[in-house]
Amino acid sequence: MVMDLGSGYYEESLGLRDRELRWPLGLAISDEDRAMDCGGWRHCGGIVEGRLVACASLWDRGFGRAQIKQVVVDPGYRGQGLGCGIMAYVEEQARALGVERGLCACQALCGEFL
């Protein structure tokens, strides 16, 4: 699903992103990060039994290009194909926008994911 900014699921995604992607690096989601989220990003979430357990963000950069960031699955739900599922959904959203190529950068701590 695409999450609306300020929705409960979007707020849950901030917590998940903060815990799993920011804190391990000694960082936290800031007001600047929240402001960037408003800049044309499409925030996608994977919901299981009413709870957000996976998320990813897509930005249409124009000219058939997109950027994907903040891809994360709750540790308690890993190994069940939810990462593949959220990426498939993001790719579907990108195609609907006319995107032909996407860039998904990751951090070195994501080694087990790669």
N, C-alpha and C. Protein backbone atom coordinates (compact mmCIF):
# COMPACT_ATOMS: atom_id res chain seq x y z
N MET A 1 0.83 -1.19 0.00
CA MET A 1 0.00 0.00 0.00
C MET A 1 0.87 1.25 0.00
N VAL A 2 0.37 2.31 -0.59
CA VAL A 2 1.05 3.61 -0.51
C VAL A 2 0.52 4.31 0.73
N MET A 3 1.44 4.77 1.58
CA MET A 3 1.07 5.41 2.84
C MET A 3 0.99 6.92 2.67
N ASP A 4 -0.04 7.51 3.23
CA ASP A 4 -0.15 8.96 3.25
C ASP A 4 0.76 9.52 4.34
N LEU A 5 1.42 10.64 4.05
CA LEU A 5 2.23 11.30 5.07
C LEU A 5 1.34 11.64 6.26
N GLY A 6 1.84 11.39 7.44
CA GLY A 6 1.09 11.70 8.65
C GLY A 6 0.14 10.61 9.09
N SER A 7 -0.06 9.58 8.25
CA SER A 7 -0.96 8.49 8.63
C SER A 7 -0.31 7.64 9.72
N GLY A 8 -1.10 6.82 10.37
CA GLY A 8 -0.56 5.93 11.39
C GLY A 8 0.50 5.00 10.85
N TYR A 9 0.25 4.45 9.64
CA TYR A 9 1.23 3.55 9.05
C TYR A 9 2.52 4.29 8.69
N TYR A 10 2.40 5.53 8.22
CA TYR A 10 3.61 6.31 7.93
C TYR A 10 4.41 6.52 9.21
N GLU A 11 3.72 6.86 10.30
CA GLU A 11 4.41 7.06 11.58
C GLU A 11 5.09 5.77 12.04
N GLU A 12 4.41 4.62 11.84
CA GLU A 12 5.03 3.33 12.17
C GLU A 12 6.28 3.11 11.32
N SER A 13 6.22 3.52 10.05
CA SER A 13 7.38 3.34 9.17
C SER A 13 8.57 4.16 9.66
N LEU A 14 8.29 5.34 10.20
CA LEU A 14 9.39 6.15 10.75
C LEU A 14 10.07 5.42 11.90
N GLY A 15 9.27 4.80 12.76
CA GLY A 15 9.85 4.05 13.88
C GLY A 15 10.67 2.87 13.40
N LEU A 16 10.16 2.13 12.42
CA LEU A 16 10.88 0.98 11.87
C LEU A 16 12.18 1.43 11.21
N ARG A 17 12.09 2.48 10.40
CA ARG A 17 13.29 3.00 9.73
C ARG A 17 14.31 3.47 10.75
N ASP A 18 13.84 4.15 11.78
CA ASP A 18 14.73 4.67 12.82
C ASP A 18 15.45 3.52 13.53
N ARG A 19 14.69 2.54 14.00
CA ARG A 19 15.27 1.41 14.75
C ARG A 19 16.24 0.59 13.93
N GLU A 20 15.86 0.27 12.71
CA GLU A 20 16.63 -0.70 11.93
C GLU A 20 17.67 -0.09 10.99
N LEU A 21 17.45 1.15 10.57
CA LEU A 21 18.38 1.76 9.61
C LEU A 21 19.20 2.90 10.20
N ARG A 22 18.66 3.65 11.11
CA ARG A 22 19.36 4.82 11.64
C ARG A 22 20.14 4.53 12.90
N TRP A 23 19.47 3.94 13.91
CA TRP A 23 20.14 3.72 15.19
C TRP A 23 21.42 2.90 15.07
N PRO A 24 21.46 1.86 14.23
CA PRO A 24 22.73 1.11 14.12
C PRO A 24 23.91 1.98 13.66
N LEU A 25 23.60 3.11 13.03
CA LEU A 25 24.64 4.03 12.57
C LEU A 25 24.85 5.18 13.53
N GLY A 26 24.15 5.16 14.66
CA GLY A 26 24.26 6.24 15.62
C GLY A 26 23.47 7.48 15.21
N LEU A 27 22.48 7.29 14.34
CA LEU A 27 21.68 8.41 13.84
C LEU A 27 20.23 8.25 14.28
N ALA A 28 19.46 9.29 14.05
CA ALA A 28 18.01 9.24 14.31
C ALA A 28 17.31 10.06 13.23
N ILE A 29 16.07 9.72 12.96
CA ILE A 29 15.29 10.48 11.98
C ILE A 29 15.08 11.88 12.53
N SER A 30 15.38 12.86 11.70
CA SER A 30 15.31 14.26 12.12
C SER A 30 14.14 14.97 11.44
N ASP A 31 13.90 16.20 11.84
CA ASP A 31 12.89 17.02 11.19
C ASP A 31 13.24 17.23 9.71
N GLU A 32 14.53 17.32 9.41
CA GLU A 32 14.97 17.47 8.02
C GLU A 32 14.62 16.22 7.20
N ASP A 33 14.80 15.03 7.80
CA ASP A 33 14.41 13.79 7.14
C ASP A 33 12.92 13.77 6.85
N ARG A 34 12.12 14.19 7.83
CA ARG A 34 10.67 14.24 7.64
C ARG A 34 10.30 15.22 6.53
N ALA A 35 10.99 16.35 6.47
CA ALA A 35 10.72 17.34 5.42
C ALA A 35 11.06 16.76 4.04
N MET A 36 12.16 16.01 3.95
CA MET A 36 12.54 15.39 2.68
C MET A 36 11.49 14.37 2.24
N ASP A 37 10.87 13.69 3.20
CA ASP A 37 9.84 12.71 2.87
C ASP A 37 8.67 13.34 2.14
N CYS A 38 8.47 14.64 2.32
CA CYS A 38 7.36 15.35 1.67
C CYS A 38 7.69 15.70 0.22
N GLY A 39 8.93 15.61 -0.17
CA GLY A 39 9.38 16.08 -1.47
C GLY A 39 9.13 15.14 -2.63
N GLY A 40 7.94 14.63 -2.78
CA GLY A 40 7.62 13.80 -3.93
C GLY A 40 7.88 12.32 -3.75
N TRP A 41 8.26 11.90 -2.56
CA TRP A 41 8.49 10.49 -2.30
C TRP A 41 7.17 9.76 -2.17
N ARG A 42 7.12 8.54 -2.67
CA ARG A 42 5.96 7.65 -2.51
C ARG A 42 6.39 6.59 -1.50
N HIS A 43 5.74 6.58 -0.34
CA HIS A 43 6.12 5.68 0.75
C HIS A 43 5.21 4.45 0.73
N CYS A 44 5.83 3.29 0.62
CA CYS A 44 5.09 2.04 0.48
C CYS A 44 5.27 1.20 1.73
N GLY A 45 4.21 0.51 2.13
CA GLY A 45 4.28 -0.30 3.33
C GLY A 45 3.70 -1.68 3.14
N GLY A 46 4.26 -2.63 3.84
CA GLY A 46 3.74 -3.99 3.88
C GLY A 46 3.09 -4.20 5.23
N ILE A 47 1.83 -4.61 5.22
CA ILE A 47 1.03 -4.74 6.44
C ILE A 47 0.71 -6.21 6.68
N VAL A 48 0.91 -6.67 7.91
CA VAL A 48 0.53 -8.02 8.32
C VAL A 48 -0.32 -7.89 9.57
N GLU A 49 -1.54 -8.40 9.52
CA GLU A 49 -2.46 -8.35 10.65
C GLU A 49 -2.57 -6.95 11.23
N GLY A 50 -2.70 -5.95 10.35
CA GLY A 50 -2.89 -4.57 10.77
C GLY A 50 -1.65 -3.84 11.24
N ARG A 51 -0.50 -4.47 11.12
CA ARG A 51 0.75 -3.87 11.60
C ARG A 51 1.72 -3.68 10.44
N LEU A 52 2.36 -2.53 10.38
CA LEU A 52 3.37 -2.27 9.35
C LEU A 52 4.62 -3.07 9.69
N VAL A 53 5.06 -3.94 8.77
CA VAL A 53 6.22 -4.79 9.04
C VAL A 53 7.31 -4.63 7.98
N ALA A 54 7.03 -3.85 6.93
CA ALA A 54 8.03 -3.61 5.88
C ALA A 54 7.72 -2.27 5.23
N CYS A 55 8.77 -1.60 4.76
CA CYS A 55 8.54 -0.35 4.05
C CYS A 55 9.68 -0.05 3.10
N ALA A 56 9.38 0.82 2.16
CA ALA A 56 10.36 1.30 1.19
C ALA A 56 9.81 2.60 0.61
N SER A 57 10.69 3.46 0.14
CA SER A 57 10.28 4.74 -0.43
C SER A 57 10.78 4.87 -1.86
N LEU A 58 9.95 5.44 -2.72
CA LEU A 58 10.22 5.59 -4.14
C LEU A 58 10.10 7.05 -4.53
N TRP A 59 11.08 7.53 -5.28
CA TRP A 59 11.05 8.91 -5.77
C TRP A 59 11.22 8.91 -7.28
N ASP A 60 10.22 9.40 -7.98
CA ASP A 60 10.28 9.53 -9.43
C ASP A 60 11.15 10.74 -9.75
N ARG A 61 12.33 10.49 -10.30
CA ARG A 61 13.28 11.57 -10.60
C ARG A 61 13.04 12.17 -11.98
N GLY A 62 12.06 11.63 -12.71
CA GLY A 62 11.79 12.11 -14.06
C GLY A 62 12.66 11.40 -15.08
N PHE A 63 12.33 11.59 -16.33
CA PHE A 63 13.10 11.02 -17.44
C PHE A 63 13.24 9.50 -17.33
N GLY A 64 12.19 8.84 -16.78
CA GLY A 64 12.21 7.38 -16.67
C GLY A 64 13.11 6.82 -15.59
N ARG A 65 13.53 7.65 -14.65
CA ARG A 65 14.45 7.23 -13.59
C ARG A 65 13.78 7.39 -12.23
N ALA A 66 14.15 6.51 -11.29
CA ALA A 66 13.63 6.60 -9.92
C ALA A 66 14.70 6.19 -8.94
N GLN A 67 14.52 6.64 -7.71
CA GLN A 67 15.39 6.25 -6.61
C GLN A 67 14.55 5.52 -5.58
N ILE A 68 15.09 4.44 -5.03
CA ILE A 68 14.43 3.67 -3.99
C ILE A 68 15.32 3.73 -2.76
N LYS A 69 14.71 4.00 -1.61
CA LYS A 69 15.51 4.10 -0.39
C LYS A 69 14.70 3.57 0.79
N GLN A 70 15.38 3.46 1.91
CA GLN A 70 14.76 3.10 3.18
C GLN A 70 13.98 1.79 3.10
N VAL A 71 14.56 0.79 2.46
CA VAL A 71 13.94 -0.53 2.36
C VAL A 71 14.27 -1.30 3.63
N VAL A 72 13.24 -1.73 4.34
CA VAL A 72 13.48 -2.43 5.60
C VAL A 72 12.30 -3.34 5.93
N VAL A 73 12.63 -4.49 6.56
CA VAL A 73 11.63 -5.42 7.06
C VAL A 73 11.89 -5.60 8.55
N ASP A 74 10.82 -5.57 9.33
CA ASP A 74 10.92 -5.80 10.77
C ASP A 74 11.64 -7.12 11.02
N PRO A 75 12.62 -7.15 11.95
CA PRO A 75 13.40 -8.37 12.19
C PRO A 75 12.54 -9.60 12.49
N GLY A 76 11.43 -9.42 13.15
CA GLY A 76 10.56 -10.54 13.49
C GLY A 76 9.84 -11.15 12.30
N TYR A 77 9.92 -10.48 11.15
CA TYR A 77 9.22 -10.94 9.95
C TYR A 77 10.17 -11.25 8.80
N ARG A 78 11.45 -11.20 9.05
CA ARG A 78 12.42 -11.49 8.00
C ARG A 78 12.43 -12.98 7.67
N GLY A 79 12.86 -13.29 6.45
CA GLY A 79 12.94 -14.67 6.02
C GLY A 79 11.62 -15.23 5.51
N GLN A 80 10.62 -14.37 5.34
CA GLN A 80 9.30 -14.80 4.89
C GLN A 80 8.93 -14.25 3.51
N GLY A 81 9.91 -13.61 2.85
CA GLY A 81 9.65 -13.07 1.52
C GLY A 81 9.06 -11.68 1.49
N LEU A 82 8.97 -11.03 2.66
CA LEU A 82 8.37 -9.69 2.70
C LEU A 82 9.25 -8.64 2.03
N GLY A 83 10.56 -8.81 2.10
CA GLY A 83 11.46 -7.88 1.41
C GLY A 83 11.25 -7.95 -0.10
N CYS A 84 11.16 -9.17 -0.61
CA CYS A 84 10.87 -9.35 -2.05
C CYS A 84 9.51 -8.77 -2.38
N GLY A 85 8.55 -8.97 -1.48
CA GLY A 85 7.20 -8.47 -1.72
C GLY A 85 7.14 -6.95 -1.77
N ILE A 86 7.81 -6.28 -0.83
CA ILE A 86 7.76 -4.80 -0.83
C ILE A 86 8.49 -4.26 -2.04
N MET A 87 9.59 -4.91 -2.44
CA MET A 87 10.30 -4.46 -3.63
C MET A 87 9.47 -4.68 -4.89
N ALA A 88 8.76 -5.79 -4.97
CA ALA A 88 7.88 -6.03 -6.13
C ALA A 88 6.80 -4.96 -6.20
N TYR A 89 6.26 -4.58 -5.05
CA TYR A 89 5.23 -3.53 -5.01
C TYR A 89 5.81 -2.18 -5.44
N VAL A 90 7.00 -1.86 -4.95
CA VAL A 90 7.66 -0.61 -5.33
C VAL A 90 7.94 -0.59 -6.83
N GLU A 91 8.39 -1.71 -7.38
CA GLU A 91 8.64 -1.80 -8.82
C GLU A 91 7.34 -1.60 -9.61
N GLU A 92 6.24 -2.17 -9.11
CA GLU A 92 4.94 -1.98 -9.75
C GLU A 92 4.53 -0.50 -9.75
N GLN A 93 4.74 0.15 -8.62
CA GLN A 93 4.45 1.58 -8.51
C GLN A 93 5.32 2.38 -9.49
N ALA A 94 6.59 2.01 -9.57
CA ALA A 94 7.52 2.71 -10.47
C ALA A 94 7.08 2.55 -11.93
N ARG A 95 6.73 1.34 -12.31
CA ARG A 95 6.27 1.11 -13.69
C ARG A 95 5.04 1.95 -14.00
N ALA A 96 4.13 2.05 -13.04
CA ALA A 96 2.91 2.86 -13.23
C ALA A 96 3.25 4.33 -13.46
N LEU A 97 4.40 4.76 -12.93
CA LEU A 97 4.85 6.15 -13.12
C LEU A 97 5.65 6.31 -14.41
N GLY A 98 5.89 5.22 -15.13
CA GLY A 98 6.67 5.28 -16.36
C GLY A 98 8.17 5.15 -16.14
N VAL A 99 8.56 4.68 -14.97
CA VAL A 99 9.98 4.52 -14.65
C VAL A 99 10.54 3.32 -15.39
N GLU A 100 11.70 3.51 -15.99
CA GLU A 100 12.39 2.44 -16.72
C GLU A 100 13.61 1.94 -15.97
N ARG A 101 14.22 2.80 -15.17
CA ARG A 101 15.42 2.43 -14.41
C ARG A 101 15.31 2.96 -12.99
N GLY A 102 15.75 2.12 -12.03
CA GLY A 102 15.72 2.53 -10.64
C GLY A 102 17.07 2.32 -9.98
N LEU A 103 17.37 3.14 -9.02
CA LEU A 103 18.60 3.06 -8.24
C LEU A 103 18.21 2.80 -6.79
N CYS A 104 18.82 1.78 -6.20
CA CYS A 104 18.58 1.47 -4.79
C CYS A 104 19.94 1.35 -4.12
N ALA A 105 20.31 2.36 -3.38
CA ALA A 105 21.60 2.36 -2.67
C ALA A 105 21.41 1.70 -1.31
N CYS A 106 22.47 1.08 -0.79
CA CYS A 106 22.39 0.49 0.54
C CYS A 106 23.69 0.76 1.30
N GLN A 107 23.64 0.45 2.59
CA GLN A 107 24.79 0.69 3.45
C GLN A 107 25.56 -0.61 3.64
N ALA A 108 26.81 -0.49 4.01
CA ALA A 108 27.66 -1.67 4.19
C ALA A 108 27.10 -2.62 5.25
N LEU A 109 26.37 -2.11 6.24
CA LEU A 109 25.83 -2.99 7.27
C LEU A 109 24.74 -3.90 6.74
N CYS A 110 24.33 -3.70 5.49
CA CYS A 110 23.30 -4.52 4.86
C CYS A 110 23.88 -5.76 4.21
N GLY A 111 25.09 -6.13 4.53
CA GLY A 111 25.77 -7.25 3.89
C GLY A 111 24.97 -8.52 3.85
N GLU A 112 24.27 -8.86 4.96
CA GLU A 112 23.50 -10.10 4.95
C GLU A 112 22.32 -10.02 3.99
N PHE A 113 21.85 -8.81 3.71
CA PHE A 113 20.74 -8.60 2.79
C PHE A 113 21.21 -8.85 1.36
N LEU A 114 22.42 -8.41 1.06
CA LEU A 114 22.96 -8.53 -0.28
C LEU A 114 23.29 -9.96 -0.59
